[in-house]
């Protein structure tokens, strides 16, 4: 095996161990889509509104419409949005199911941060009691 084959095999083992019921390529698309701040801003706006036209979604962003369309393609490829066309207007809706899949993957590691939060709470309560 070559070095790249070893890395790919390790990649597959880690992803299969971490989430045996999830498609690693799908998780890659979801996390890749969520990695960009413009795309996260679009998702945040769609969380607040049931549906927005592409123009309304693009209006507050500091990027041009072609860039917005490329970001929407990435979000659609990850399954994070749905687009509907009515006449000349394309409306965009949030599709939350892929985020649930991402949270499912992340929840395996929740104990690392929840233990720390429990310890922080205990320290804060001790400090409050000492006053």
Foldseek 3Di string as FASTA:
>chain_A
DDPVVVVVVVVVVVVCVLCVPDDPVLLVLVVVLVVDPLSVQLLVVLVVPQKDWLCVSCVVDPDDSVVSVVSVVSCVVSVQWDWDDDPPTIMIHGDCVSVVVNVVSVVVVVVVVVVVVVVVVVVVVVVVVVD
